[in-house]
Amino acid sequence: MLSNLIGNSEVAFKKGELVRLSDFGKLIHGDRLCSVGIILSEPYDLLTPLGAKETSYYEAYDLLVGDEVMKGIPTEFLHRMTKDEESKIKMEEVAKRNSTD
Protein backbone atom coordinates (compact mmCIF):
# COMPACT_ATOMS: atom_id res chain seq x y z
CA MET A 1 0.00 0.00 0.00
CA LEU A 2 1.31 3.45 -0.91
CA SER A 3 1.71 6.06 1.77
CA ASN A 4 1.57 9.78 1.12
CA LEU A 5 3.94 12.45 2.41
CA ILE A 6 1.73 13.56 5.29
CA GLY A 7 1.38 10.12 6.82
CA ASN A 8 -1.99 8.89 5.58
CA SER A 9 -1.91 5.21 4.74
CA GLU A 10 -3.51 5.58 1.34
CA VAL A 11 -2.92 7.90 -1.60
CA ALA A 12 -6.19 8.94 -3.27
CA PHE A 13 -4.58 10.01 -6.56
CA LYS A 14 -1.16 9.35 -8.08
CA LYS A 15 1.08 11.92 -9.77
CA GLY A 16 0.63 11.58 -13.54
CA GLU A 17 -2.80 9.94 -13.22
CA LEU A 18 -5.31 10.89 -15.89
CA VAL A 19 -8.73 11.70 -14.42
CA ARG A 20 -12.06 12.22 -16.15
CA LEU A 21 -13.91 15.30 -14.96
CA SER A 22 -17.50 15.01 -13.76
CA ASP A 23 -20.06 17.65 -14.68
CA PHE A 24 -19.15 19.38 -11.41
CA GLY A 25 -15.44 19.33 -12.35
CA LYS A 26 -16.20 20.87 -15.74
CA LEU A 27 -18.31 23.53 -14.03
CA ILE A 28 -15.50 24.40 -11.61
CA HIS A 29 -12.91 24.57 -14.39
CA GLY A 30 -15.20 26.73 -16.52
CA ASP A 31 -14.67 24.97 -19.86
CA ARG A 32 -17.26 22.27 -20.49
CA LEU A 33 -15.18 20.99 -23.45
CA CYS A 34 -12.27 19.96 -21.20
CA SER A 35 -13.21 16.56 -19.89
CA VAL A 36 -9.90 15.23 -18.52
CA GLY A 37 -7.14 16.39 -16.22
CA ILE A 38 -3.73 15.18 -15.10
CA ILE A 39 -2.66 15.01 -11.45
CA LEU A 40 0.56 17.07 -11.29
CA SER A 41 1.63 16.48 -7.71
CA GLU A 42 1.85 14.00 -4.92
CA PRO A 43 -0.57 14.89 -2.09
CA TYR A 44 0.65 17.69 0.14
CA ASP A 45 -0.54 19.25 3.35
CA LEU A 46 -2.15 22.70 3.51
CA LEU A 47 -3.56 24.80 6.34
CA THR A 48 -6.96 26.42 6.37
CA PRO A 49 -6.78 30.08 5.28
CA LEU A 50 -5.74 32.70 7.85
CA GLY A 51 -8.68 34.13 9.71
CA ALA A 52 -10.62 30.86 9.76
CA LYS A 53 -12.34 30.08 13.06
CA GLU A 54 -10.45 26.80 13.38
CA THR A 55 -7.03 25.86 12.07
CA SER A 56 -6.91 22.50 10.37
CA TYR A 57 -4.78 20.67 7.87
CA TYR A 58 -6.04 19.12 4.69
CA GLU A 59 -4.53 17.08 1.90
CA ALA A 60 -4.38 18.72 -1.53
CA TYR A 61 -3.27 18.08 -5.10
CA ASP A 62 -2.39 20.15 -8.16
CA LEU A 63 -4.36 19.38 -11.33
CA LEU A 64 -3.75 20.34 -14.97
CA VAL A 65 -6.94 20.84 -16.99
CA GLY A 66 -6.49 22.17 -20.51
CA ASP A 67 -3.82 24.85 -20.19
CA GLU A 68 -4.68 25.77 -16.58
CA VAL A 69 -2.95 24.47 -13.45
CA MET A 70 -5.36 24.34 -10.53
CA LYS A 71 -3.33 24.36 -7.30
CA GLY A 72 -4.23 23.22 -3.80
CA ILE A 73 -7.39 21.24 -4.57
CA PRO A 74 -8.50 19.40 -1.40
CA THR A 75 -8.82 15.63 -1.84
CA GLU A 76 -12.55 15.57 -1.04
CA PHE A 77 -13.19 18.35 -3.56
CA LEU A 78 -11.10 16.56 -6.19
CA HIS A 79 -13.21 13.44 -5.64
CA ARG A 80 -16.33 15.51 -6.44
CA MET A 81 -14.61 16.92 -9.52
CA THR A 82 -13.83 13.44 -10.86
CA LYS A 83 -16.80 11.30 -9.81
CA ASP A 84 -20.31 11.75 -11.13
CA GLU A 85 -22.67 12.33 -8.24
CA GLU A 86 -25.51 9.86 -7.89
CA SER A 87 -27.79 12.65 -6.78
CA LYS A 88 -28.01 15.82 -8.82
CA ILE A 89 -29.54 17.68 -5.85
CA LYS A 90 -26.30 19.51 -4.97
CA MET A 91 -25.83 20.63 -8.58
CA GLU A 92 -29.47 21.76 -8.72
CA GLU A 93 -29.05 23.78 -5.49
CA VAL A 94 -26.12 25.65 -7.07
CA ALA A 95 -28.12 26.32 -10.22
CA LYS A 96 -31.10 27.64 -8.21
CA ARG A 97 -28.85 29.83 -6.06
CA ASN A 98 -27.25 31.37 -9.17
CA SER A 99 -30.60 31.85 -10.91
CA THR A 100 -31.88 35.39 -11.53
CA ASP A 101 -35.53 34.37 -10.95
PDB file of N, CA and C in Angstrom:
ATOM      1  N   MET A   1       0.842  -1.180   0.000  1.00  0.00           N
ATOM      2  CA  MET A   1       0.000   0.000   0.000  1.00  0.00           C
ATOM      3  C   MET A   1       0.887   1.243   0.000  1.00  0.00           C
ATOM      4  N   LEU A   2       0.548   2.211  -0.834  1.00  0.00           N
ATOM      5  CA  LEU A   2       1.313   3.451  -0.907  1.00  0.00           C
ATOM      6  C   LEU A   2       0.958   4.360   0.251  1.00  0.00           C
ATOM      7  N   SER A   3       1.939   5.092   0.715  1.00  0.00           N
ATOM      8  CA  SER A   3       1.714   6.062   1.774  1.00  0.00           C
ATOM      9  C   SER A   3       2.050   7.439   1.233  1.00  0.00           C
ATOM     10  N   ASN A   4       1.266   8.437   1.602  1.00  0.00           N
ATOM     11  CA  ASN A   4       1.568   9.778   1.117  1.00  0.00           C
ATOM     12  C   ASN A   4       2.522  10.496   2.061  1.00  0.00           C
ATOM     13  N   LEU A   5       2.919  11.706   1.669  1.00  0.00           N
ATOM     14  CA  LEU A   5       3.939  12.446   2.409  1.00  0.00           C
ATOM     15  C   LEU A   5       3.487  12.919   3.777  1.00  0.00           C
ATOM     16  N   ILE A   6       2.180  13.033   3.997  1.00  0.00           N
ATOM     17  CA  ILE A   6       1.725  13.557   5.287  1.00  0.00           C
ATOM     18  C   ILE A   6       1.271  12.445   6.224  1.00  0.00           C
ATOM     19  N   GLY A   7       1.590  11.204   5.882  1.00  0.00           N
ATOM     20  CA  GLY A   7       1.379  10.119   6.824  1.00  0.00           C
ATOM     21  C   GLY A   7       0.096   9.330   6.680  1.00  0.00           C
ATOM     22  N   ASN A   8      -0.795   9.709   5.783  1.00  0.00           N
ATOM     23  CA  ASN A   8      -1.988   8.893   5.584  1.00  0.00           C
ATOM     24  C   ASN A   8      -1.578   7.580   4.935  1.00  0.00           C
ATOM     25  N   SER A   9      -2.307   6.530   5.214  1.00  0.00           N
ATOM     26  CA  SER A   9      -1.910   5.211   4.736  1.00  0.00           C
ATOM     27  C   SER A   9      -2.261   4.970   3.272  1.00  0.00           C
ATOM     28  N   GLU A  10      -3.096   5.812   2.702  1.00  0.00           N
ATOM     29  CA  GLU A  10      -3.511   5.583   1.338  1.00  0.00           C
ATOM     30  C   GLU A  10      -3.443   6.870   0.530  1.00  0.00           C
ATOM     31  N   VAL A  11      -2.985   6.758  -0.705  1.00  0.00           N
ATOM     32  CA  VAL A  11      -2.924   7.902  -1.602  1.00  0.00           C
ATOM     33  C   VAL A  11      -4.159   7.852  -2.490  1.00  0.00           C
ATOM     34  N   ALA A  12      -4.948   8.926  -2.502  1.00  0.00           N
ATOM     35  CA  ALA A  12      -6.189   8.943  -3.271  1.00  0.00           C
ATOM     36  C   ALA A  12      -5.915   9.023  -4.769  1.00  0.00           C
ATOM     37  N   PHE A  13      -4.932   9.827  -5.158  1.00  0.00           N
ATOM     38  CA  PHE A  13      -4.575  10.008  -6.561  1.00  0.00           C
ATOM     39  C   PHE A  13      -3.063   9.899  -6.683  1.00  0.00           C
ATOM     40  N   LYS A  14      -2.594   9.475  -7.847  1.00  0.00           N
ATOM     41  CA  LYS A  14      -1.163   9.348  -8.083  1.00  0.00           C
ATOM     42  C   LYS A  14      -0.700  10.418  -9.063  1.00  0.00           C
ATOM     43  N   LYS A  15       0.496  10.937  -8.856  1.00  0.00           N
ATOM     44  CA  LYS A  15       1.076  11.915  -9.767  1.00  0.00           C
ATOM     45  C   LYS A  15       1.128  11.298 -11.162  1.00  0.00           C
ATOM     46  N   GLY A  16       0.657  12.052 -12.158  1.00  0.00           N
ATOM     47  CA  GLY A  16       0.633  11.576 -13.539  1.00  0.00           C
ATOM     48  C   GLY A  16      -0.654  10.876 -13.922  1.00  0.00           C
ATOM     49  N   GLU A  17      -1.534  10.639 -12.944  1.00  0.00           N
ATOM     50  CA  GLU A  17      -2.795   9.943 -13.221  1.00  0.00           C
ATOM     51  C   GLU A  17      -3.722  10.819 -14.060  1.00  0.00           C
ATOM     52  N   LEU A  18      -4.326  10.220 -15.057  1.00  0.00           N
ATOM     53  CA  LEU A  18      -5.313  10.891 -15.891  1.00  0.00           C
ATOM     54  C   LEU A  18      -6.678  10.702 -15.244  1.00  0.00           C
ATOM     55  N   VAL A  19      -7.411  11.784 -15.045  1.00  0.00           N
ATOM     56  CA  VAL A  19      -8.727  11.703 -14.416  1.00  0.00           C
ATOM     57  C   VAL A  19      -9.773  12.315 -15.342  1.00  0.00           C
ATOM     58  N   ARG A  20     -10.942  11.687 -15.368  1.00  0.00           N
ATOM     59  CA  ARG A  20     -12.060  12.216 -16.153  1.00  0.00           C
ATOM     60  C   ARG A  20     -12.858  13.149 -15.254  1.00  0.00           C
ATOM     61  N   LEU A  21     -13.160  14.334 -15.760  1.00  0.00           N
ATOM     62  CA  LEU A  21     -13.911  15.302 -14.957  1.00  0.00           C
ATOM     63  C   LEU A  21     -15.402  15.004 -14.998  1.00  0.00           C
ATOM     64  N   SER A  22     -16.037  15.113 -13.852  1.00  0.00           N
ATOM     65  CA  SER A  22     -17.497  15.010 -13.764  1.00  0.00           C
ATOM     66  C   SER A  22     -18.090  16.334 -14.257  1.00  0.00           C
ATOM     67  N   ASP A  23     -19.407  16.392 -14.321  1.00  0.00           N
ATOM     68  CA  ASP A  23     -20.063  17.651 -14.685  1.00  0.00           C
ATOM     69  C   ASP A  23     -19.669  18.754 -13.712  1.00  0.00           C
ATOM     70  N   PHE A  24     -19.563  18.408 -12.432  1.00  0.00           N
ATOM     71  CA  PHE A  24     -19.153  19.380 -11.415  1.00  0.00           C
ATOM     72  C   PHE A  24     -17.728  19.874 -11.689  1.00  0.00           C
ATOM     73  N   GLY A  25     -16.824  18.963 -12.039  1.00  0.00           N
ATOM     74  CA  GLY A  25     -15.445  19.331 -12.346  1.00  0.00           C
ATOM     75  C   GLY A  25     -15.356  20.270 -13.536  1.00  0.00           C
ATOM     76  N   LYS A  26     -16.168  19.998 -14.555  1.00  0.00           N
ATOM     77  CA  LYS A  26     -16.198  20.868 -15.741  1.00  0.00           C
ATOM     78  C   LYS A  26     -16.734  22.247 -15.365  1.00  0.00           C
ATOM     79  N   LEU A  27     -17.735  22.272 -14.489  1.00  0.00           N
ATOM     80  CA  LEU A  27     -18.309  23.534 -14.028  1.00  0.00           C
ATOM     81  C   LEU A  27     -17.267  24.356 -13.268  1.00  0.00           C
ATOM     82  N   ILE A  28     -16.522  23.704 -12.393  1.00  0.00           N
ATOM     83  CA  ILE A  28     -15.497  24.396 -11.608  1.00  0.00           C
ATOM     84  C   ILE A  28     -14.391  24.929 -12.515  1.00  0.00           C
ATOM     85  N   HIS A  29     -13.978  24.119 -13.482  1.00  0.00           N
ATOM     86  CA  HIS A  29     -12.913  24.568 -14.388  1.00  0.00           C
ATOM     87  C   HIS A  29     -13.397  25.699 -15.283  1.00  0.00           C
ATOM     88  N   GLY A  30     -14.648  25.652 -15.700  1.00  0.00           N
ATOM     89  CA  GLY A  30     -15.200  26.727 -16.517  1.00  0.00           C
ATOM     90  C   GLY A  30     -15.242  26.430 -18.001  1.00  0.00           C
ATOM     91  N   ASP A  31     -14.644  25.333 -18.449  1.00  0.00           N
ATOM     92  CA  ASP A  31     -14.667  24.969 -19.865  1.00  0.00           C
ATOM     93  C   ASP A  31     -15.292  23.590 -19.983  1.00  0.00           C
ATOM     94  N   ARG A  32     -16.534  23.546 -20.424  1.00  0.00           N
ATOM     95  CA  ARG A  32     -17.258  22.271 -20.490  1.00  0.00           C
ATOM     96  C   ARG A  32     -16.671  21.333 -21.540  1.00  0.00           C
ATOM     97  N   LEU A  33     -15.798  21.847 -22.425  1.00  0.00           N
ATOM     98  CA  LEU A  33     -15.184  20.992 -23.447  1.00  0.00           C
ATOM     99  C   LEU A  33     -13.987  20.219 -22.903  1.00  0.00           C
ATOM    100  N   CYS A  34     -13.389  20.688 -21.821  1.00  0.00           N
ATOM    101  CA  CYS A  34     -12.270  19.965 -21.197  1.00  0.00           C
ATOM    102  C   CYS A  34     -12.859  18.881 -20.303  1.00  0.00           C
ATOM    103  N   SER A  35     -12.589  17.638 -20.649  1.00  0.00           N
ATOM    104  CA  SER A  35     -13.213  16.556 -19.895  1.00  0.00           C
ATOM    105  C   SER A  35     -12.207  15.702 -19.128  1.00  0.00           C
ATOM    106  N   VAL A  36     -10.915  15.997 -19.251  1.00  0.00           N
ATOM    107  CA  VAL A  36      -9.902  15.231 -18.522  1.00  0.00           C
ATOM    108  C   VAL A  36      -8.887  16.171 -17.886  1.00  0.00           C
ATOM    109  N   GLY A  37      -8.217  15.655 -16.869  1.00  0.00           N
ATOM    110  CA  GLY A  37      -7.142  16.389 -16.219  1.00  0.00           C
ATOM    111  C   GLY A  37      -6.026  15.426 -15.857  1.00  0.00           C
ATOM    112  N   ILE A  38      -4.882  15.980 -15.511  1.00  0.00           N
ATOM    113  CA  ILE A  38      -3.728  15.181 -15.101  1.00  0.00           C
ATOM    114  C   ILE A  38      -3.298  15.648 -13.718  1.00  0.00           C
ATOM    115  N   ILE A  39      -3.149  14.701 -12.800  1.00  0.00           N
ATOM    116  CA  ILE A  39      -2.663  15.009 -11.455  1.00  0.00           C
ATOM    117  C   ILE A  39      -1.183  15.375 -11.573  1.00  0.00           C
ATOM    118  N   LEU A  40      -0.815  16.580 -11.142  1.00  0.00           N
ATOM    119  CA  LEU A  40       0.560  17.066 -11.292  1.00  0.00           C
ATOM    120  C   LEU A  40       1.433  16.877 -10.066  1.00  0.00           C
ATOM    121  N   SER A  41       0.842  16.533  -8.930  1.00  0.00           N
ATOM    122  CA  SER A  41       1.633  16.478  -7.709  1.00  0.00           C
ATOM    123  C   SER A  41       1.265  15.260  -6.875  1.00  0.00           C
ATOM    124  N   GLU A  42       2.175  14.929  -5.992  1.00  0.00           N
ATOM    125  CA  GLU A  42       1.848  13.998  -4.917  1.00  0.00           C
ATOM    126  C   GLU A  42       0.977  14.787  -3.945  1.00  0.00           C
ATOM    127  N   PRO A  43       0.231  14.133  -3.068  1.00  0.00           N
ATOM    128  CA  PRO A  43      -0.566  14.886  -2.091  1.00  0.00           C
ATOM    129  C   PRO A  43       0.347  15.682  -1.168  1.00  0.00           C
ATOM    130  N   TYR A  44      -0.104  16.879  -0.819  1.00  0.00           N
ATOM    131  CA  TYR A  44       0.648  17.691   0.139  1.00  0.00           C
ATOM    132  C   TYR A  44      -0.312  18.312   1.130  1.00  0.00           C
ATOM    133  N   ASP A  45       0.237  18.759   2.231  1.00  0.00           N
ATOM    134  CA  ASP A  45      -0.542  19.248   3.353  1.00  0.00           C
ATOM    135  C   ASP A  45      -0.687  20.764   3.275  1.00  0.00           C
ATOM    136  N   LEU A  46      -1.890  21.265   3.467  1.00  0.00           N
ATOM    137  CA  LEU A  46      -2.154  22.699   3.510  1.00  0.00           C
ATOM    138  C   LEU A  46      -2.924  23.040   4.783  1.00  0.00           C
ATOM    139  N   LEU A  47      -2.798  24.280   5.204  1.00  0.00           N
ATOM    140  CA  LEU A  47      -3.559  24.804   6.344  1.00  0.00           C
ATOM    141  C   LEU A  47      -4.801  25.519   5.848  1.00  0.00           C
ATOM    142  N   THR A  48      -5.810  25.595   6.691  1.00  0.00           N
ATOM    143  CA  THR A  48      -6.960  26.424   6.366  1.00  0.00           C
ATOM    144  C   THR A  48      -6.485  27.863   6.227  1.00  0.00           C
ATOM    145  N   PRO A  49      -7.198  28.687   5.463  1.00  0.00           N
ATOM    146  CA  PRO A  49      -6.779  30.085   5.284  1.00  0.00           C
ATOM    147  C   PRO A  49      -6.699  30.835   6.606  1.00  0.00           C
ATOM    148  N   LEU A  50      -5.834  31.846   6.660  1.00  0.00           N
ATOM    149  CA  LEU A  50      -5.738  32.696   7.846  1.00  0.00           C
ATOM    150  C   LEU A  50      -7.077  33.363   8.107  1.00  0.00           C
ATOM    151  N   GLY A  51      -7.416  33.506   9.340  1.00  0.00           N
ATOM    152  CA  GLY A  51      -8.677  34.129   9.708  1.00  0.00           C
ATOM    153  C   GLY A  51      -9.812  33.133   9.872  1.00  0.00           C
ATOM    154  N   ALA A  52      -9.580  31.873   9.565  1.00  0.00           N
ATOM    155  CA  ALA A  52     -10.618  30.861   9.758  1.00  0.00           C
ATOM    156  C   ALA A  52     -10.839  30.661  11.256  1.00  0.00           C
ATOM    157  N   LYS A  53     -12.031  30.280  11.635  1.00  0.00           N
ATOM    158  CA  LYS A  53     -12.343  30.083  13.057  1.00  0.00           C
ATOM    159  C   LYS A  53     -11.497  28.977  13.669  1.00  0.00           C
ATOM    160  N   GLU A  54     -11.257  27.908  12.901  1.00  0.00           N
ATOM    161  CA  GLU A  54     -10.446  26.799  13.379  1.00  0.00           C
ATOM    162  C   GLU A  54      -9.307  26.561  12.393  1.00  0.00           C
ATOM    163  N   THR A  55      -8.162  26.209  12.922  1.00  0.00           N
ATOM    164  CA  THR A  55      -7.034  25.857  12.070  1.00  0.00           C
ATOM    165  C   THR A  55      -7.036  24.355  11.879  1.00  0.00           C
ATOM    166  N   SER A  56      -6.983  23.937  10.638  1.00  0.00           N
ATOM    167  CA  SER A  56      -6.911  22.504  10.369  1.00  0.00           C
ATOM    168  C   SER A  56      -6.070  22.271   9.119  1.00  0.00           C
ATOM    169  N   TYR A  57      -5.568  21.069   9.020  1.00  0.00           N
ATOM    170  CA  TYR A  57      -4.785  20.673   7.867  1.00  0.00           C
ATOM    171  C   TYR A  57      -5.665  19.871   6.927  1.00  0.00           C
ATOM    172  N   TYR A  58      -5.373  19.987   5.645  1.00  0.00           N
ATOM    173  CA  TYR A  58      -6.041  19.116   4.690  1.00  0.00           C
ATOM    174  C   TYR A  58      -5.060  18.731   3.601  1.00  0.00           C
ATOM    175  N   GLU A  59      -5.367  17.612   2.965  1.00  0.00           N
ATOM    176  CA  GLU A  59      -4.527  17.078   1.902  1.00  0.00           C
ATOM    177  C   GLU A  59      -4.989  17.674   0.573  1.00  0.00           C
ATOM    178  N   ALA A  60      -4.034  18.074  -0.270  1.00  0.00           N
ATOM    179  CA  ALA A  60      -4.378  18.718  -1.533  1.00  0.00           C
ATOM    180  C   ALA A  60      -3.498  18.209  -2.667  1.00  0.00           C
ATOM    181  N   TYR A  61      -3.979  18.447  -3.878  1.00  0.00           N
ATOM    182  CA  TYR A  61      -3.269  18.076  -5.105  1.00  0.00           C
ATOM    183  C   TYR A  61      -3.282  19.251  -6.068  1.00  0.00           C
ATOM    184  N   ASP A  62      -2.371  19.212  -7.041  1.00  0.00           N
ATOM    185  CA  ASP A  62      -2.390  20.147  -8.162  1.00  0.00           C
ATOM    186  C   ASP A  62      -2.891  19.376  -9.374  1.00  0.00           C
ATOM    187  N   LEU A  63      -3.722  20.025 -10.197  1.00  0.00           N
ATOM    188  CA  LEU A  63      -4.363  19.382 -11.334  1.00  0.00           C
ATOM    189  C   LEU A  63      -4.206  20.253 -12.566  1.00  0.00           C
ATOM    190  N   LEU A  64      -3.822  19.645 -13.679  1.00  0.00           N
ATOM    191  CA  LEU A  64      -3.747  20.337 -14.970  1.00  0.00           C
ATOM    192  C   LEU A  64      -4.992  19.990 -15.765  1.00  0.00           C
ATOM    193  N   VAL A  65      -5.759  21.017 -16.140  1.00  0.00           N
ATOM    194  CA  VAL A  65      -6.939  20.837 -16.991  1.00  0.00           C
ATOM    195  C   VAL A  65      -6.801  21.822 -18.136  1.00  0.00           C
ATOM    196  N   GLY A  66      -6.736  21.309 -19.354  1.00  0.00           N
ATOM    197  CA  GLY A  66      -6.494  22.166 -20.508  1.00  0.00           C
ATOM    198  C   GLY A  66      -5.130  22.817 -20.355  1.00  0.00           C
ATOM    199  N   ASP A  67      -5.088  24.138 -20.377  1.00  0.00           N
ATOM    200  CA  ASP A  67      -3.816  24.849 -20.186  1.00  0.00           C
ATOM    201  C   ASP A  67      -3.745  25.540 -18.823  1.00  0.00           C
ATOM    202  N   GLU A  68      -4.631  25.153 -17.909  1.00  0.00           N
ATOM    203  CA  GLU A  68      -4.683  25.770 -16.583  1.00  0.00           C
ATOM    204  C   GLU A  68      -4.235  24.789 -15.498  1.00  0.00           C
ATOM    205  N   VAL A  69      -3.347  25.248 -14.612  1.00  0.00           N
ATOM    206  CA  VAL A  69      -2.945  24.467 -13.448  1.00  0.00           C
ATOM    207  C   VAL A  69      -3.779  24.951 -12.266  1.00  0.00           C
ATOM    208  N   MET A  70      -4.537  24.034 -11.703  1.00  0.00           N
ATOM    209  CA  MET A  70      -5.361  24.339 -10.532  1.00  0.00           C
ATOM    210  C   MET A  70      -4.609  23.824  -9.316  1.00  0.00           C
ATOM    211  N   LYS A  71      -4.181  24.723  -8.432  1.00  0.00           N
ATOM    212  CA  LYS A  71      -3.330  24.359  -7.299  1.00  0.00           C
ATOM    213  C   LYS A  71      -4.132  24.245  -6.006  1.00  0.00           C
ATOM    214  N   GLY A  72      -3.676  23.329  -5.152  1.00  0.00           N
ATOM    215  CA  GLY A  72      -4.233  23.218  -3.805  1.00  0.00           C
ATOM    216  C   GLY A  72      -5.661  22.732  -3.744  1.00  0.00           C
ATOM    217  N   ILE A  73      -6.020  21.771  -4.585  1.00  0.00           N
ATOM    218  CA  ILE A  73      -7.387  21.241  -4.568  1.00  0.00           C
ATOM    219  C   ILE A  73      -7.489  20.184  -3.469  1.00  0.00           C
ATOM    220  N   PRO A  74      -8.345  20.397  -2.466  1.00  0.00           N
ATOM    221  CA  PRO A  74      -8.500  19.405  -1.404  1.00  0.00           C
ATOM    222  C   PRO A  74      -8.962  18.056  -1.967  1.00  0.00           C
ATOM    223  N   THR A  75      -8.507  16.981  -1.360  1.00  0.00           N
ATOM    224  CA  THR A  75      -8.818  15.630  -1.839  1.00  0.00           C
ATOM    225  C   THR A  75     -10.314  15.408  -1.985  1.00  0.00           C
ATOM    226  N   GLU A  76     -11.106  15.790  -0.982  1.00  0.00           N
ATOM    227  CA  GLU A  76     -12.546  15.567  -1.045  1.00  0.00           C
ATOM    228  C   GLU A  76     -13.172  16.326  -2.208  1.00  0.00           C
ATOM    229  N   PHE A  77     -12.683  17.536  -2.459  1.00  0.00           N
ATOM    230  CA  PHE A  77     -13.188  18.351  -3.555  1.00  0.00           C
ATOM    231  C   PHE A  77     -12.799  17.720  -4.890  1.00  0.00           C
ATOM    232  N   LEU A  78     -11.569  17.212  -4.970  1.00  0.00           N
ATOM    233  CA  LEU A  78     -11.098  16.563  -6.194  1.00  0.00           C
ATOM    234  C   LEU A  78     -11.922  15.311  -6.485  1.00  0.00           C
ATOM    235  N   HIS A  79     -12.328  14.599  -5.436  1.00  0.00           N
ATOM    236  CA  HIS A  79     -13.208  13.441  -5.644  1.00  0.00           C
ATOM    237  C   HIS A  79     -14.516  13.888  -6.300  1.00  0.00           C
ATOM    238  N   ARG A  80     -15.080  14.989  -5.840  1.00  0.00           N
ATOM    239  CA  ARG A  80     -16.332  15.506  -6.443  1.00  0.00           C
ATOM    240  C   ARG A  80     -16.105  15.946  -7.877  1.00  0.00           C
ATOM    241  N   MET A  81     -14.908  16.460  -8.160  1.00  0.00           N
ATOM    242  CA  MET A  81     -14.611  16.921  -9.518  1.00  0.00           C
ATOM    243  C   MET A  81     -14.411  15.766 -10.496  1.00  0.00           C
ATOM    244  N   THR A  82     -14.153  14.563  -9.973  1.00  0.00           N
ATOM    245  CA  THR A  82     -13.834  13.442 -10.856  1.00  0.00           C
ATOM    246  C   THR A  82     -14.836  12.299 -10.792  1.00  0.00           C
ATOM    247  N   LYS A  83     -15.794  12.366  -9.914  1.00  0.00           N
ATOM    248  CA  LYS A  83     -16.798  11.300  -9.813  1.00  0.00           C
ATOM    249  C   LYS A  83     -18.179  11.902 -10.030  1.00  0.00           C
ATOM    250  N   ASP A  84     -18.951  11.284 -10.920  1.00  0.00           N
ATOM    251  CA  ASP A  84     -20.311  11.753 -11.134  1.00  0.00           C
ATOM    252  C   ASP A  84     -21.125  11.475  -9.881  1.00  0.00           C
ATOM    253  N   GLU A  85     -21.858  12.481  -9.433  1.00  0.00           N
ATOM    254  CA  GLU A  85     -22.666  12.329  -8.242  1.00  0.00           C
ATOM    255  C   GLU A  85     -23.921  11.543  -8.577  1.00  0.00           C
ATOM    256  N   GLU A  86     -24.290  10.639  -7.687  1.00  0.00           N
ATOM    257  CA  GLU A  86     -25.507   9.857  -7.894  1.00  0.00           C
ATOM    258  C   GLU A  86     -26.733  10.754  -7.813  1.00  0.00           C
ATOM    259  N   SER A  87     -26.675  11.729  -6.943  1.00  0.00           N
ATOM    260  CA  SER A  87     -27.789  12.650  -6.783  1.00  0.00           C
ATOM    261  C   SER A  87     -27.402  13.988  -7.382  1.00  0.00           C
ATOM    262  N   LYS A  88     -28.258  14.518  -8.196  1.00  0.00           N
ATOM    263  CA  LYS A  88     -28.012  15.821  -8.821  1.00  0.00           C
ATOM    264  C   LYS A  88     -28.514  16.966  -7.948  1.00  0.00           C
ATOM    265  N   ILE A  89     -28.958  16.658  -6.732  1.00  0.00           N
ATOM    266  CA  ILE A  89     -29.538  17.675  -5.848  1.00  0.00           C
ATOM    267  C   ILE A  89     -28.546  18.796  -5.589  1.00  0.00           C
ATOM    268  N   LYS A  90     -27.280  18.478  -5.278  1.00  0.00           N
ATOM    269  CA  LYS A  90     -26.299  19.512  -4.968  1.00  0.00           C
ATOM    270  C   LYS A  90     -26.080  20.417  -6.175  1.00  0.00           C
ATOM    271  N   MET A  91     -26.010  19.831  -7.368  1.00  0.00           N
ATOM    272  CA  MET A  91     -25.829  20.632  -8.582  1.00  0.00           C
ATOM    273  C   MET A  91     -27.049  21.527  -8.799  1.00  0.00           C
ATOM    274  N   GLU A  92     -28.256  20.989  -8.547  1.00  0.00           N
ATOM    275  CA  GLU A  92     -29.473  21.761  -8.723  1.00  0.00           C
ATOM    276  C   GLU A  92     -29.537  22.910  -7.725  1.00  0.00           C
ATOM    277  N   GLU A  93     -29.059  22.708  -6.492  1.00  0.00           N
ATOM    278  CA  GLU A  93     -29.049  23.776  -5.494  1.00  0.00           C
ATOM    279  C   GLU A  93     -28.166  24.924  -5.954  1.00  0.00           C
ATOM    280  N   VAL A  94     -27.011  24.610  -6.554  1.00  0.00           N
ATOM    281  CA  VAL A  94     -26.117  25.655  -7.066  1.00  0.00           C
ATOM    282  C   VAL A  94     -26.799  26.403  -8.192  1.00  0.00           C
ATOM    283  N   ALA A  95     -27.447  25.679  -9.100  1.00  0.00           N
ATOM    284  CA  ALA A  95     -28.125  26.317 -10.223  1.00  0.00           C
ATOM    285  C   ALA A  95     -29.237  27.245  -9.734  1.00  0.00           C
ATOM    286  N   LYS A  96     -30.017  26.809  -8.740  1.00  0.00           N
ATOM    287  CA  LYS A  96     -31.096  27.637  -8.213  1.00  0.00           C
ATOM    288  C   LYS A  96     -30.535  28.880  -7.527  1.00  0.00           C
ATOM    289  N   ARG A  97     -29.459  28.712  -6.786  1.00  0.00           N
ATOM    290  CA  ARG A  97     -28.849  29.834  -6.061  1.00  0.00           C
ATOM    291  C   ARG A  97     -28.341  30.890  -7.036  1.00  0.00           C
ATOM    292  N   ASN A  98     -27.822  30.448  -8.187  1.00  0.00           N
ATOM    293  CA  ASN A  98     -27.255  31.367  -9.173  1.00  0.00           C
ATOM    294  C   ASN A  98     -28.293  31.894 -10.141  1.00  0.00           C
ATOM    295  N   SER A  99     -29.510  31.437 -10.014  1.00  0.00           N
ATOM    296  CA  SER A  99     -30.598  31.849 -10.908  1.00  0.00           C
ATOM    297  C   SER A  99     -30.991  33.299 -10.637  1.00  0.00           C
ATOM    298  N   THR A 100     -31.449  33.995 -11.683  1.00  0.00           N
ATOM    299  CA  THR A 100     -31.878  35.393 -11.532  1.00  0.00           C
ATOM    300  C   THR A 100     -33.372  35.502 -11.292  1.00  0.00           C
ATOM    301  N   ASP A 101     -34.064  34.352 -11.176  1.00  0.00           N
ATOM    302  CA  ASP A 101     -35.529  34.374 -10.951  1.00  0.00           C
ATOM    303  C   ASP A 101     -35.871  34.896  -9.590  1.00  0.00           C
TER     304      ASP A 101
END
